[in-house]
Amino acid sequence: MDMSREHDGPSMALIVRKELHLSSGKIAVQCAHAAVSCALMAKKNEVRIMERWQASGARKICLEVEDLASLKSIMTQAKSAGLITYLVKDAGQTEVAAGTITVLGIGPGPRNSIDALVSDLKPY
């Protein structure tokens, strides 16, 4: 996946832990939790970015990461870059134990900044 070229508009990345082997439905719901939570944070704290993100089509990309350590590493880098982040912790009522971290949401934020963190990840 080539994400090195110049990009316009903000983006959001939703990063799923591959080793959990979540069902498609579970992934959809967990990514929705991350996207909504990140958007609400942006609406409160980053109004201009939120407005630009919505006006440019609210770009999102769903990617996979091998394990929790990799997910946390990306989160640390995203926070250091000043990006909005949100970790989804499952309620434990279906496929995984309560408190299991399933998805990391990053953004909305500058697409180049997000792409720099996730360019080596595969689409989910």
PDB file of N, CA and C in Angstrom:
ATOM      1  N   MET A   1       0.847  -1.174   0.000  1.00  0.00           N
ATOM      2  CA  MET A   1       0.000   0.000   0.000  1.00  0.00           C
ATOM      3  C   MET A   1       0.892   1.236   0.000  1.00  0.00           C
ATOM      4  N   ASP A   2       0.790   2.053  -1.031  1.00  0.00           N
ATOM      5  CA  ASP A   2       1.613   3.258  -1.121  1.00  0.00           C
ATOM      6  C   ASP A   2       0.865   4.449  -0.554  1.00  0.00           C
ATOM      7  N   MET A   3       1.314   4.901   0.620  1.00  0.00           N
ATOM      8  CA  MET A   3       0.699   6.068   1.240  1.00  0.00           C
ATOM      9  C   MET A   3       1.698   7.215   1.319  1.00  0.00           C
ATOM     10  N   SER A   4       2.742   7.168   0.498  1.00  0.00           N
ATOM     11  CA  SER A   4       3.812   8.150   0.619  1.00  0.00           C
ATOM     12  C   SER A   4       3.539   9.442  -0.145  1.00  0.00           C
ATOM     13  N   ARG A   5       2.624   9.423  -1.113  1.00  0.00           N
ATOM     14  CA  ARG A   5       2.377  10.638  -1.890  1.00  0.00           C
ATOM     15  C   ARG A   5       1.639  11.679  -1.043  1.00  0.00           C
ATOM     16  N   GLU A   6       1.632  12.904  -1.514  1.00  0.00           N
ATOM     17  CA  GLU A   6       0.953  13.991  -0.799  1.00  0.00           C
ATOM     18  C   GLU A   6      -0.547  13.727  -0.742  1.00  0.00           C
ATOM     19  N   HIS A   7      -1.153  14.036   0.404  1.00  0.00           N
ATOM     20  CA  HIS A   7      -2.580  13.811   0.600  1.00  0.00           C
ATOM     21  C   HIS A   7      -3.233  15.085   1.081  1.00  0.00           C
ATOM     22  N   ASP A   8      -4.464  15.249   0.709  1.00  0.00           N
ATOM     23  CA  ASP A   8      -5.254  16.385   1.169  1.00  0.00           C
ATOM     24  C   ASP A   8      -6.244  15.907   2.217  1.00  0.00           C
ATOM     25  N   GLY A   9      -6.591  16.790   3.103  1.00  0.00           N
ATOM     26  CA  GLY A   9      -7.650  16.524   4.061  1.00  0.00           C
ATOM     27  C   GLY A   9      -7.258  15.580   5.173  1.00  0.00           C
ATOM     28  N   PRO A  10      -7.995  15.668   6.265  1.00  0.00           N
ATOM     29  CA  PRO A  10      -7.749  14.794   7.409  1.00  0.00           C
ATOM     30  C   PRO A  10      -8.187  13.356   7.131  1.00  0.00           C
ATOM     31  N   SER A  11      -7.726  12.470   7.976  1.00  0.00           N
ATOM     32  CA  SER A  11      -8.031  11.053   7.853  1.00  0.00           C
ATOM     33  C   SER A  11      -8.199  10.458   9.242  1.00  0.00           C
ATOM     34  N   MET A  12      -8.710   9.234   9.280  1.00  0.00           N
ATOM     35  CA  MET A  12      -8.815   8.469  10.518  1.00  0.00           C
ATOM     36  C   MET A  12      -8.360   7.045  10.217  1.00  0.00           C
ATOM     37  N   ALA A  13      -7.596   6.472  11.137  1.00  0.00           N
ATOM     38  CA  ALA A  13      -7.168   5.080  11.008  1.00  0.00           C
ATOM     39  C   ALA A  13      -7.789   4.270  12.138  1.00  0.00           C
ATOM     40  N   LEU A  14      -8.303   3.107  11.791  1.00  0.00           N
ATOM     41  CA  LEU A  14      -8.871   2.169  12.751  1.00  0.00           C
ATOM     42  C   LEU A  14      -8.022   0.909  12.670  1.00  0.00           C
ATOM     43  N   ILE A  15      -7.347   0.583  13.765  1.00  0.00           N
ATOM     44  CA  ILE A  15      -6.351  -0.485  13.750  1.00  0.00           C
ATOM     45  C   ILE A  15      -6.825  -1.630  14.637  1.00  0.00           C
ATOM     46  N   VAL A  16      -6.969  -2.806  14.030  1.00  0.00           N
ATOM     47  CA  VAL A  16      -7.546  -3.986  14.675  1.00  0.00           C
ATOM     48  C   VAL A  16      -6.455  -4.989  15.028  1.00  0.00           C
ATOM     49  N   ARG A  17      -6.558  -5.577  16.209  1.00  0.00           N
ATOM     50  CA  ARG A  17      -5.625  -6.633  16.627  1.00  0.00           C
ATOM     51  C   ARG A  17      -5.945  -7.938  15.894  1.00  0.00           C
ATOM     52  N   LYS A  18      -5.048  -8.335  15.007  1.00  0.00           N
ATOM     53  CA  LYS A  18      -5.241  -9.513  14.166  1.00  0.00           C
ATOM     54  C   LYS A  18      -5.292 -10.809  14.972  1.00  0.00           C
ATOM     55  N   GLU A  19      -4.473 -10.902  16.026  1.00  0.00           N
ATOM     56  CA  GLU A  19      -4.352 -12.178  16.736  1.00  0.00           C
ATOM     57  C   GLU A  19      -5.598 -12.542  17.538  1.00  0.00           C
ATOM     58  N   LEU A  20      -6.531 -11.618  17.677  1.00  0.00           N
ATOM     59  CA  LEU A  20      -7.768 -11.925  18.406  1.00  0.00           C
ATOM     60  C   LEU A  20      -8.756 -12.729  17.560  1.00  0.00           C
ATOM     61  N   HIS A  21      -8.566 -12.731  16.246  1.00  0.00           N
ATOM     62  CA  HIS A  21      -9.437 -13.478  15.325  1.00  0.00           C
ATOM     63  C   HIS A  21     -10.910 -13.140  15.556  1.00  0.00           C
ATOM     64  N   LEU A  22     -11.210 -11.853  15.599  1.00  0.00           N
ATOM     65  CA  LEU A  22     -12.582 -11.400  15.809  1.00  0.00           C
ATOM     66  C   LEU A  22     -13.428 -11.651  14.562  1.00  0.00           C
ATOM     67  N   SER A  23     -14.718 -11.884  14.765  1.00  0.00           N
ATOM     68  CA  SER A  23     -15.629 -12.050  13.632  1.00  0.00           C
ATOM     69  C   SER A  23     -15.785 -10.711  12.907  1.00  0.00           C
ATOM     70  N   SER A  24     -16.260 -10.772  11.675  1.00  0.00           N
ATOM     71  CA  SER A  24     -16.463  -9.547  10.891  1.00  0.00           C
ATOM     72  C   SER A  24     -17.417  -8.593  11.591  1.00  0.00           C
ATOM     73  N   GLY A  25     -18.479  -9.128  12.157  1.00  0.00           N
ATOM     74  CA  GLY A  25     -19.438  -8.288  12.867  1.00  0.00           C
ATOM     75  C   GLY A  25     -18.822  -7.613  14.075  1.00  0.00           C
ATOM     76  N   LYS A  26     -18.009  -8.361  14.817  1.00  0.00           N
ATOM     77  CA  LYS A  26     -17.357  -7.808  16.006  1.00  0.00           C
ATOM     78  C   LYS A  26     -16.392  -6.699  15.603  1.00  0.00           C
ATOM     79  N   ILE A  27     -15.631  -6.921  14.536  1.00  0.00           N
ATOM     80  CA  ILE A  27     -14.700  -5.900  14.051  1.00  0.00           C
ATOM     81  C   ILE A  27     -15.464  -4.640  13.653  1.00  0.00           C
ATOM     82  N   ALA A  28     -16.578  -4.816  12.956  1.00  0.00           N
ATOM     83  CA  ALA A  28     -17.372  -3.660  12.535  1.00  0.00           C
ATOM     84  C   ALA A  28     -17.827  -2.842  13.740  1.00  0.00           C
ATOM     85  N   VAL A  29     -18.323  -3.513  14.763  1.00  0.00           N
ATOM     86  CA  VAL A  29     -18.821  -2.812  15.949  1.00  0.00           C
ATOM     87  C   VAL A  29     -17.681  -2.145  16.708  1.00  0.00           C
ATOM     88  N   GLN A  30     -16.563  -2.835  16.865  1.00  0.00           N
ATOM     89  CA  GLN A  30     -15.432  -2.265  17.592  1.00  0.00           C
ATOM     90  C   GLN A  30     -14.857  -1.062  16.846  1.00  0.00           C
ATOM     91  N   CYS A  31     -14.777  -1.148  15.520  1.00  0.00           N
ATOM     92  CA  CYS A  31     -14.305  -0.006  14.725  1.00  0.00           C
ATOM     93  C   CYS A  31     -15.290   1.155  14.814  1.00  0.00           C
ATOM     94  N   ALA A  32     -16.581   0.846  14.847  1.00  0.00           N
ATOM     95  CA  ALA A  32     -17.582   1.906  15.007  1.00  0.00           C
ATOM     96  C   ALA A  32     -17.402   2.613  16.345  1.00  0.00           C
ATOM     97  N   HIS A  33     -17.163   1.849  17.407  1.00  0.00           N
ATOM     98  CA  HIS A  33     -16.903   2.461  18.717  1.00  0.00           C
ATOM     99  C   HIS A  33     -15.707   3.415  18.632  1.00  0.00           C
ATOM    100  N   ALA A  34     -14.632   2.963  17.999  1.00  0.00           N
ATOM    101  CA  ALA A  34     -13.427   3.791  17.886  1.00  0.00           C
ATOM    102  C   ALA A  34     -13.696   5.045  17.062  1.00  0.00           C
ATOM    103  N   ALA A  35     -14.369   4.885  15.922  1.00  0.00           N
ATOM    104  CA  ALA A  35     -14.628   6.021  15.036  1.00  0.00           C
ATOM    105  C   ALA A  35     -15.511   7.066  15.713  1.00  0.00           C
ATOM    106  N   VAL A  36     -16.580   6.614  16.357  1.00  0.00           N
ATOM    107  CA  VAL A  36     -17.485   7.555  17.028  1.00  0.00           C
ATOM    108  C   VAL A  36     -16.765   8.263  18.168  1.00  0.00           C
ATOM    109  N   SER A  37     -16.015   7.519  18.962  1.00  0.00           N
ATOM    110  CA  SER A  37     -15.310   8.125  20.101  1.00  0.00           C
ATOM    111  C   SER A  37     -14.270   9.137  19.636  1.00  0.00           C
ATOM    112  N   CYS A  38     -13.512   8.793  18.603  1.00  0.00           N
ATOM    113  CA  CYS A  38     -12.524   9.737  18.063  1.00  0.00           C
ATOM    114  C   CYS A  38     -13.210  10.983  17.502  1.00  0.00           C
ATOM    115  N   ALA A  39     -14.313  10.787  16.780  1.00  0.00           N
ATOM    116  CA  ALA A  39     -15.029  11.925  16.205  1.00  0.00           C
ATOM    117  C   ALA A  39     -15.576  12.841  17.300  1.00  0.00           C
ATOM    118  N   LEU A  40     -16.102  12.261  18.367  1.00  0.00           N
ATOM    119  CA  LEU A  40     -16.614  13.081  19.472  1.00  0.00           C
ATOM    120  C   LEU A  40     -15.493  13.856  20.155  1.00  0.00           C
ATOM    121  N   MET A  41     -14.331  13.229  20.293  1.00  0.00           N
ATOM    122  CA  MET A  41     -13.179  13.929  20.870  1.00  0.00           C
ATOM    123  C   MET A  41     -12.759  15.087  19.967  1.00  0.00           C
ATOM    124  N   ALA A  42     -12.752  14.844  18.662  1.00  0.00           N
ATOM    125  CA  ALA A  42     -12.379  15.895  17.712  1.00  0.00           C
ATOM    126  C   ALA A  42     -13.394  17.032  17.733  1.00  0.00           C
ATOM    127  N   LYS A  43     -14.666  16.689  17.808  1.00  0.00           N
ATOM    128  CA  LYS A  43     -15.711  17.715  17.842  1.00  0.00           C
ATOM    129  C   LYS A  43     -15.546  18.626  19.054  1.00  0.00           C
ATOM    130  N   LYS A  44     -15.087  18.054  20.152  1.00  0.00           N
ATOM    131  CA  LYS A  44     -14.911  18.820  21.386  1.00  0.00           C
ATOM    132  C   LYS A  44     -13.589  19.596  21.411  1.00  0.00           C
ATOM    133  N   ASN A  45     -12.505  18.959  20.951  1.00  0.00           N
ATOM    134  CA  ASN A  45     -11.163  19.512  21.140  1.00  0.00           C
ATOM    135  C   ASN A  45     -10.464  20.001  19.874  1.00  0.00           C
ATOM    136  N   GLU A  46     -10.907  19.563  18.714  1.00  0.00           N
ATOM    137  CA  GLU A  46     -10.245  19.900  17.440  1.00  0.00           C
ATOM    138  C   GLU A  46     -11.302  20.252  16.400  1.00  0.00           C
ATOM    139  N   VAL A  47     -12.055  21.298  16.662  1.00  0.00           N
ATOM    140  CA  VAL A  47     -13.217  21.644  15.842  1.00  0.00           C
ATOM    141  C   VAL A  47     -12.850  21.840  14.370  1.00  0.00           C
ATOM    142  N   ARG A  48     -11.769  22.559  14.092  1.00  0.00           N
ATOM    143  CA  ARG A  48     -11.396  22.818  12.688  1.00  0.00           C
ATOM    144  C   ARG A  48     -11.056  21.531  11.949  1.00  0.00           C
ATOM    145  N   ILE A  49     -10.314  20.647  12.595  1.00  0.00           N
ATOM    146  CA  ILE A  49      -9.977  19.369  11.956  1.00  0.00           C
ATOM    147  C   ILE A  49     -11.241  18.555  11.724  1.00  0.00           C
ATOM    148  N   MET A  50     -12.133  18.542  12.697  1.00  0.00           N
ATOM    149  CA  MET A  50     -13.389  17.801  12.561  1.00  0.00           C
ATOM    150  C   MET A  50     -14.201  18.330  11.384  1.00  0.00           C
ATOM    151  N   GLU A  51     -14.301  19.635  11.273  1.00  0.00           N
ATOM    152  CA  GLU A  51     -15.053  20.230  10.167  1.00  0.00           C
ATOM    153  C   GLU A  51     -14.422  19.892   8.819  1.00  0.00           C
ATOM    154  N   ARG A  52     -13.097  19.982   8.729  1.00  0.00           N
ATOM    155  CA  ARG A  52     -12.396  19.647   7.479  1.00  0.00           C
ATOM    156  C   ARG A  52     -12.563  18.173   7.141  1.00  0.00           C
ATOM    157  N   TRP A  53     -12.491  17.317   8.163  1.00  0.00           N
ATOM    158  CA  TRP A  53     -12.640  15.871   7.960  1.00  0.00           C
ATOM    159  C   TRP A  53     -14.029  15.567   7.402  1.00  0.00           C
ATOM    160  N   GLN A  54     -15.061  16.150   7.999  1.00  0.00           N
ATOM    161  CA  GLN A  54     -16.426  15.922   7.517  1.00  0.00           C
ATOM    162  C   GLN A  54     -16.612  16.476   6.108  1.00  0.00           C
ATOM    163  N   ALA A  55     -16.106  17.666   5.851  1.00  0.00           N
ATOM    164  CA  ALA A  55     -16.270  18.306   4.546  1.00  0.00           C
ATOM    165  C   ALA A  55     -15.538  17.559   3.436  1.00  0.00           C
ATOM    166  N   SER A  56     -14.480  16.831   3.790  1.00  0.00           N
ATOM    167  CA  SER A  56     -13.692  16.124   2.774  1.00  0.00           C
ATOM    168  C   SER A  56     -14.076  14.650   2.648  1.00  0.00           C
ATOM    169  N   GLY A  57     -15.203  14.249   3.239  1.00  0.00           N
ATOM    170  CA  GLY A  57     -15.680  12.880   3.060  1.00  0.00           C
ATOM    171  C   GLY A  57     -15.445  11.949   4.227  1.00  0.00           C
ATOM    172  N   ALA A  58     -14.892  12.445   5.317  1.00  0.00           N
ATOM    173  CA  ALA A  58     -14.676  11.650   6.543  1.00  0.00           C
ATOM    174  C   ALA A  58     -13.914  10.354   6.248  1.00  0.00           C
ATOM    175  N   ARG A  59     -12.763  10.480   5.587  1.00  0.00           N
ATOM    176  CA  ARG A  59     -11.952   9.318   5.212  1.00  0.00           C
ATOM    177  C   ARG A  59     -11.574   8.496   6.436  1.00  0.00           C
ATOM    178  N   LYS A  60     -11.740   7.172   6.285  1.00  0.00           N
ATOM    179  CA  LYS A  60     -11.329   6.210   7.307  1.00  0.00           C
ATOM    180  C   LYS A  60     -10.664   5.038   6.606  1.00  0.00           C
ATOM    181  N   ILE A  61      -9.720   4.425   7.298  1.00  0.00           N
ATOM    182  CA  ILE A  61      -9.094   3.217   6.787  1.00  0.00           C
ATOM    183  C   ILE A  61      -8.976   2.229   7.937  1.00  0.00           C
ATOM    184  N   CYS A  62      -9.272   0.964   7.642  1.00  0.00           N
ATOM    185  CA  CYS A  62      -9.185  -0.089   8.654  1.00  0.00           C
ATOM    186  C   CYS A  62      -7.955  -0.941   8.350  1.00  0.00           C
ATOM    187  N   LEU A  63      -7.089  -1.052   9.342  1.00  0.00           N
ATOM    188  CA  LEU A  63      -5.817  -1.749   9.190  1.00  0.00           C
ATOM    189  C   LEU A  63      -5.668  -2.805  10.270  1.00  0.00           C
ATOM    190  N   GLU A  64      -4.721  -3.713  10.084  1.00  0.00           N
ATOM    191  CA  GLU A  64      -4.478  -4.744  11.095  1.00  0.00           C
ATOM    192  C   GLU A  64      -3.081  -4.613  11.664  1.00  0.00           C
ATOM    193  N   VAL A  65      -2.963  -5.039  12.916  1.00  0.00           N
ATOM    194  CA  VAL A  65      -1.683  -5.076  13.602  1.00  0.00           C
ATOM    195  C   VAL A  65      -1.570  -6.462  14.227  1.00  0.00           C
ATOM    196  N   GLU A  66      -0.355  -6.945  14.372  1.00  0.00           N
ATOM    197  CA  GLU A  66      -0.157  -8.320  14.832  1.00  0.00           C
ATOM    198  C   GLU A  66      -0.598  -8.573  16.268  1.00  0.00           C
ATOM    199  N   ASP A  67      -0.336  -7.613  17.175  1.00  0.00           N
ATOM    200  CA  ASP A  67      -0.575  -7.902  18.594  1.00  0.00           C
ATOM    201  C   ASP A  67      -0.741  -6.628  19.406  1.00  0.00           C
ATOM    202  N   LEU A  68      -1.028  -6.804  20.688  1.00  0.00           N
ATOM    203  CA  LEU A  68      -1.272  -5.679  21.585  1.00  0.00           C
ATOM    204  C   LEU A  68      -0.046  -4.783  21.726  1.00  0.00           C
ATOM    205  N   ALA A  69       1.134  -5.370  21.811  1.00  0.00           N
ATOM    206  CA  ALA A  69       2.353  -4.562  21.956  1.00  0.00           C
ATOM    207  C   ALA A  69       2.529  -3.622  20.765  1.00  0.00           C
ATOM    208  N   SER A  70       2.279  -4.121  19.568  1.00  0.00           N
ATOM    209  CA  SER A  70       2.386  -3.288  18.363  1.00  0.00           C
ATOM    210  C   SER A  70       1.339  -2.183  18.369  1.00  0.00           C
ATOM    211  N   LEU A  71       0.133  -2.519  18.797  1.00  0.00           N
ATOM    212  CA  LEU A  71      -0.942  -1.534  18.876  1.00  0.00           C
ATOM    213  C   LEU A  71      -0.584  -0.413  19.846  1.00  0.00           C
ATOM    214  N   LYS A  72      -0.075  -0.790  21.005  1.00  0.00           N
ATOM    215  CA  LYS A  72       0.298   0.210  22.010  1.00  0.00           C
ATOM    216  C   LYS A  72       1.468   1.069  21.542  1.00  0.00           C
ATOM    217  N   SER A  73       2.393   0.485  20.797  1.00  0.00           N
ATOM    218  CA  SER A  73       3.516   1.243  20.259  1.00  0.00           C
ATOM    219  C   SER A  73       3.026   2.325  19.295  1.00  0.00           C
ATOM    220  N   ILE A  74       2.099   1.959  18.422  1.00  0.00           N
ATOM    221  CA  ILE A  74       1.539   2.928  17.478  1.00  0.00           C
ATOM    222  C   ILE A  74       0.774   4.009  18.236  1.00  0.00           C
ATOM    223  N   MET A  75       0.037   3.616  19.273  1.00  0.00           N
ATOM    224  CA  MET A  75      -0.701   4.599  20.063  1.00  0.00           C
ATOM    225  C   MET A  75       0.247   5.607  20.708  1.00  0.00           C
ATOM    226  N   THR A  76       1.349   5.121  21.252  1.00  0.00           N
ATOM    227  CA  THR A  76       2.333   6.008  21.877  1.00  0.00           C
ATOM    228  C   THR A  76       2.880   7.002  20.861  1.00  0.00           C
ATOM    229  N   GLN A  77       3.199   6.514  19.665  1.00  0.00           N
ATOM    230  CA  GLN A  77       3.702   7.392  18.609  1.00  0.00           C
ATOM    231  C   GLN A  77       2.652   8.418  18.190  1.00  0.00           C
ATOM    232  N   ALA A  78       1.405   7.980  18.095  1.00  0.00           N
ATOM    233  CA  ALA A  78       0.323   8.883  17.698  1.00  0.00           C
ATOM    234  C   ALA A  78       0.118   9.977  18.741  1.00  0.00           C
ATOM    235  N   LYS A  79       0.140   9.588  20.008  1.00  0.00           N
ATOM    236  CA  LYS A  79      -0.008  10.582  21.078  1.00  0.00           C
ATOM    237  C   LYS A  79       1.156  11.568  21.056  1.00  0.00           C
ATOM    238  N   SER A  80       2.373  11.064  20.829  1.00  0.00           N
ATOM    239  CA  SER A  80       3.551  11.935  20.759  1.00  0.00           C
ATOM    240  C   SER A  80       3.446  12.927  19.611  1.00  0.00           C
ATOM    241  N   ALA A  81       2.760  12.518  18.545  1.00  0.00           N
ATOM    242  CA  ALA A  81       2.562  13.393  17.384  1.00  0.00           C
ATOM    243  C   ALA A  81       1.390  14.353  17.588  1.00  0.00           C
ATOM    244  N   GLY A  82       0.735  14.269  18.740  1.00  0.00           N
ATOM    245  CA  GLY A  82      -0.384  15.160  19.035  1.00  0.00           C
ATOM    246  C   GLY A  82      -1.695  14.764  18.384  1.00  0.00           C
ATOM    247  N   LEU A  83      -1.804  13.504  17.965  1.00  0.00           N
ATOM    248  CA  LEU A  83      -3.016  13.036  17.301  1.00  0.00           C
ATOM    249  C   LEU A  83      -4.040  12.525  18.313  1.00  0.00           C
ATOM    250  N   ILE A  84      -5.301  12.614  17.946  1.00  0.00           N
ATOM    251  CA  ILE A  84      -6.383  12.051  18.753  1.00  0.00           C
ATOM    252  C   ILE A  84      -6.255  10.535  18.713  1.00  0.00           C
ATOM    253  N   THR A  85      -6.373   9.885  19.873  1.00  0.00           N
ATOM    254  CA  THR A  85      -6.353   8.424  19.929  1.00  0.00           C
ATOM    255  C   THR A  85      -7.465   7.935  20.843  1.00  0.00           C
ATOM    256  N   TYR A  86      -7.944   6.726  20.563  1.00  0.00           N
ATOM    257  CA  TYR A  86      -8.939   6.096  21.422  1.00  0.00           C
ATOM    258  C   TYR A  86      -8.751   4.586  21.357  1.00  0.00           C
ATOM    259  N   LEU A  87      -8.592   3.964  22.520  1.00  0.00           N
ATOM    260  CA  LEU A  87      -8.501   2.508  22.613  1.00  0.00           C
ATOM    261  C   LEU A  87      -9.865   1.943  22.972  1.00  0.00           C
ATOM    262  N   VAL A  88     -10.331   0.978  22.203  1.00  0.00           N
ATOM    263  CA  VAL A  88     -11.592   0.309  22.508  1.00  0.00           C
ATOM    264  C   VAL A  88     -11.294  -0.884  23.404  1.00  0.00           C
ATOM    265  N   LYS A  89     -11.961  -0.908  24.553  1.00  0.00           N
ATOM    266  CA  LYS A  89     -11.870  -2.042  25.480  1.00  0.00           C
ATOM    267  C   LYS A  89     -13.224  -2.731  25.477  1.00  0.00           C
ATOM    268  N   ASP A  90     -13.223  -4.007  25.132  1.00  0.00           N
ATOM    269  CA  ASP A  90     -14.468  -4.751  24.977  1.00  0.00           C
ATOM    270  C   ASP A  90     -15.177  -4.965  26.312  1.00  0.00           C
ATOM    271  N   ALA A  91     -16.495  -5.014  26.258  1.00  0.00           N
ATOM    272  CA  ALA A  91     -17.311  -5.241  27.456  1.00  0.00           C
ATOM    273  C   ALA A  91     -17.301  -6.706  27.881  1.00  0.00           C
ATOM    274  N   GLY A  92     -16.849  -7.596  27.004  1.00  0.00           N
ATOM    275  CA  GLY A  92     -16.711  -9.000  27.362  1.00  0.00           C
ATOM    276  C   GLY A  92     -17.983  -9.815  27.316  1.00  0.00           C
ATOM    277  N   GLN A  93     -18.965  -9.382  26.551  1.00  0.00           N
ATOM    278  CA  GLN A  93     -20.233 -10.107  26.519  1.00  0.00           C
ATOM    279  C   GLN A  93     -20.339 -11.105  25.377  1.00  0.00           C
ATOM    280  N   THR A  94     -19.373 -11.105  24.452  1.00  0.00           N
ATOM    281  CA  THR A  94     -19.491 -12.024  23.318  1.00  0.00           C
ATOM    282  C   THR A  94     -18.219 -12.825  23.066  1.00  0.00           C
ATOM    283  N   GLU A  95     -17.252 -12.259  22.355  1.00  0.00           N
ATOM    284  CA  GLU A  95     -16.131 -13.044  21.836  1.00  0.00           C
ATOM    285  C   GLU A  95     -14.851 -13.013  22.652  1.00  0.00           C
ATOM    286  N   VAL A  96     -14.625 -11.961  23.413  1.00  0.00           N
ATOM    287  CA  VAL A  96     -13.377 -11.833  24.172  1.00  0.00           C
ATOM    288  C   VAL A  96     -13.683 -11.421  25.609  1.00  0.00           C
ATOM    289  N   ALA A  97     -12.697 -11.563  26.471  1.00  0.00           N
ATOM    290  CA  ALA A  97     -12.872 -11.228  27.887  1.00  0.00           C
ATOM    291  C   ALA A  97     -13.065  -9.725  28.086  1.00  0.00           C
ATOM    292  N   ALA A  98     -13.786  -9.387  29.125  1.00  0.00           N
ATOM    293  CA  ALA A  98     -14.004  -7.979  29.471  1.00  0.00           C
ATOM    294  C   ALA A  98     -12.665  -7.273  29.637  1.00  0.00           C
ATOM    295  N   GLY A  99     -12.581  -6.073  29.075  1.00  0.00           N
ATOM    296  CA  GLY A  99     -11.365  -5.277  29.187  1.00  0.00           C
ATOM    297  C   GLY A  99     -10.341  -5.522  28.096  1.00  0.00           C
ATOM    298  N   THR A 100     -10.597  -6.500  27.223  1.00  0.00           N
ATOM    299  CA  THR A 100      -9.667  -6.773  26.126  1.00  0.00           C
ATOM    300  C   THR A 100      -9.628  -5.578  25.178  1.00  0.00           C
ATOM    301  N   ILE A 101      -8.436  -5.090  24.895  1.00  0.00           N
ATOM    302  CA  ILE A 101      -8.258  -3.994  23.940  1.00  0.00           C
ATOM    303  C   ILE A 101      -8.336  -4.588  22.539  1.00  0.00           C
ATOM    304  N   THR A 102      -9.279  -4.086  21.743  1.00  0.00           N
ATOM    305  CA  THR A 102      -9.528  -4.665  20.423  1.00  0.00           C
ATOM    306  C   THR A 102      -9.092  -3.775  19.263  1.00  0.00           C
ATOM    307  N   VAL A 103      -9.324  -2.467  19.385  1.00  0.00           N
ATOM    308  CA  VAL A 103      -9.096  -1.541  18.274  1.00  0.00           C
ATOM    309  C   VAL A 103      -8.510  -0.237  18.799  1.00  0.00           C
ATOM    310  N   LEU A 104      -7.637   0.350  18.009  1.00  0.00           N
ATOM    311  CA  LEU A 104      -7.122   1.695  18.251  1.00  0.00           C
ATOM    312  C   LEU A 104      -7.647   2.603  17.154  1.00  0.00           C
ATOM    313  N   GLY A 105      -8.260   3.699  17.551  1.00  0.00           N
ATOM    314  CA  GLY A 105      -8.652   4.733  16.603  1.00  0.00           C
ATOM    315  C   GLY A 105      -7.651   5.872  16.675  1.00  0.00           C
ATOM    316  N   ILE A 106      -7.247   6.379  15.517  1.00  0.00           N
ATOM    317  CA  ILE A 106      -6.356   7.542  15.439  1.00  0.00           C
ATOM    318  C   ILE A 106      -7.001   8.554  14.506  1.00  0.00           C
ATOM    319  N   GLY A 107      -7.134   9.789  14.986  1.00  0.00           N
ATOM    320  CA  GLY A 107      -7.690  10.847  14.171  1.00  0.00           C
ATOM    321  C   GLY A 107      -9.131  11.157  14.546  1.00  0.00           C
ATOM    322  N   PRO A 108      -9.775  12.017  13.776  1.00  0.00           N
ATOM    323  CA  PRO A 108      -9.256  12.603  12.556  1.00  0.00           C
ATOM    324  C   PRO A 108      -8.066  13.523  12.825  1.00  0.00           C
ATOM    325  N   GLY A 109      -7.166  13.480  11.880  1.00  0.00           N
ATOM    326  CA  GLY A 109      -5.967  14.286  11.969  1.00  0.00           C
ATOM    327  C   GLY A 109      -5.338  14.409  10.595  1.00  0.00           C
ATOM    328  N   PRO A 110      -4.244  15.153  10.485  1.00  0.00           N
ATOM    329  CA  PRO A 110      -3.579  15.315   9.191  1.00  0.00           C
ATOM    330  C   PRO A 110      -3.221  13.956   8.580  1.00  0.00           C
ATOM    331  N   ARG A 111      -3.656  13.766   7.360  1.00  0.00           N
ATOM    332  CA  ARG A 111      -3.463  12.463   6.708  1.00  0.00           C
ATOM    333  C   ARG A 111      -1.992  12.062   6.640  1.00  0.00           C
ATOM    334  N   ASN A 112      -1.121  13.006   6.317  1.00  0.00           N
ATOM    335  CA  ASN A 112       0.302  12.672   6.228  1.00  0.00           C
ATOM    336  C   ASN A 112       0.848  12.207   7.571  1.00  0.00           C
ATOM    337  N   SER A 113       0.397  12.819   8.658  1.00  0.00           N
ATOM    338  CA  SER A 113       0.863  12.425   9.997  1.00  0.00           C
ATOM    339  C   SER A 113       0.398  11.021  10.352  1.00  0.00           C
ATOM    340  N   ILE A 114      -0.858  10.720  10.032  1.00  0.00           N
ATOM    341  CA  ILE A 114      -1.387   9.384  10.325  1.00  0.00           C
ATOM    342  C   ILE A 114      -0.734   8.350   9.421  1.00  0.00           C
ATOM    343  N   ASP A 115      -0.642   8.653   8.129  1.00  0.00           N
ATOM    344  CA  ASP A 115      -0.021   7.712   7.194  1.00  0.00           C
ATOM    345  C   ASP A 115       1.418   7.385   7.581  1.00  0.00           C
ATOM    346  N   ALA A 116       2.141   8.356   8.129  1.00  0.00           N
ATOM    347  CA  ALA A 116       3.526   8.112   8.551  1.00  0.00           C
ATOM    348  C   ALA A 116       3.598   7.040   9.638  1.00  0.00           C
ATOM    349  N   LEU A 117       2.556   6.921  10.439  1.00  0.00           N
ATOM    350  CA  LEU A 117       2.536   5.923  11.516  1.00  0.00           C
ATOM    351  C   LEU A 117       2.059   4.553  11.062  1.00  0.00           C
ATOM    352  N   VAL A 118       1.224   4.511  10.026  1.00  0.00           N
ATOM    353  CA  VAL A 118       0.560   3.252   9.675  1.00  0.00           C
ATOM    354  C   VAL A 118       0.892   2.739   8.274  1.00  0.00           C
ATOM    355  N   SER A 119       1.824   3.370   7.586  1.00  0.00           N
ATOM    356  CA  SER A 119       2.087   3.010   6.186  1.00  0.00           C
ATOM    357  C   SER A 119       2.574   1.580   5.997  1.00  0.00           C
ATOM    358  N   ASP A 120       3.115   0.961   7.045  1.00  0.00           N
ATOM    359  CA  ASP A 120       3.593  -0.417   6.913  1.00  0.00           C
ATOM    360  C   ASP A 120       2.543  -1.449   7.318  1.00  0.00           C
ATOM    361  N   LEU A 121       1.360  -1.011   7.729  1.00  0.00           N
ATOM    362  CA  LEU A 121       0.302  -1.936   8.133  1.00  0.00           C
ATOM    363  C   LEU A 121      -0.524  -2.365   6.926  1.00  0.00           C
ATOM    364  N   LYS A 122      -1.080  -3.575   7.004  1.00  0.00           N
ATOM    365  CA  LYS A 122      -1.923  -4.102   5.933  1.00  0.00           C
ATOM    366  C   LYS A 122      -3.381  -3.739   6.194  1.00  0.00           C
ATOM    367  N   PRO A 123      -4.145  -3.541   5.114  1.00  0.00           N
ATOM    368  CA  PRO A 123      -5.587  -3.331   5.291  1.00  0.00           C
ATOM    369  C   PRO A 123      -6.211  -4.566   5.932  1.00  0.00           C
ATOM    370  N   TYR A 124      -7.230  -4.353   6.748  1.00  0.00           N
ATOM    371  CA  TYR A 124      -7.904  -5.497   7.370  1.00  0.00           C
ATOM    372  C   TYR A 124      -8.959  -6.001   6.436  1.00  0.00           C
TER     373      TYR A 124
END
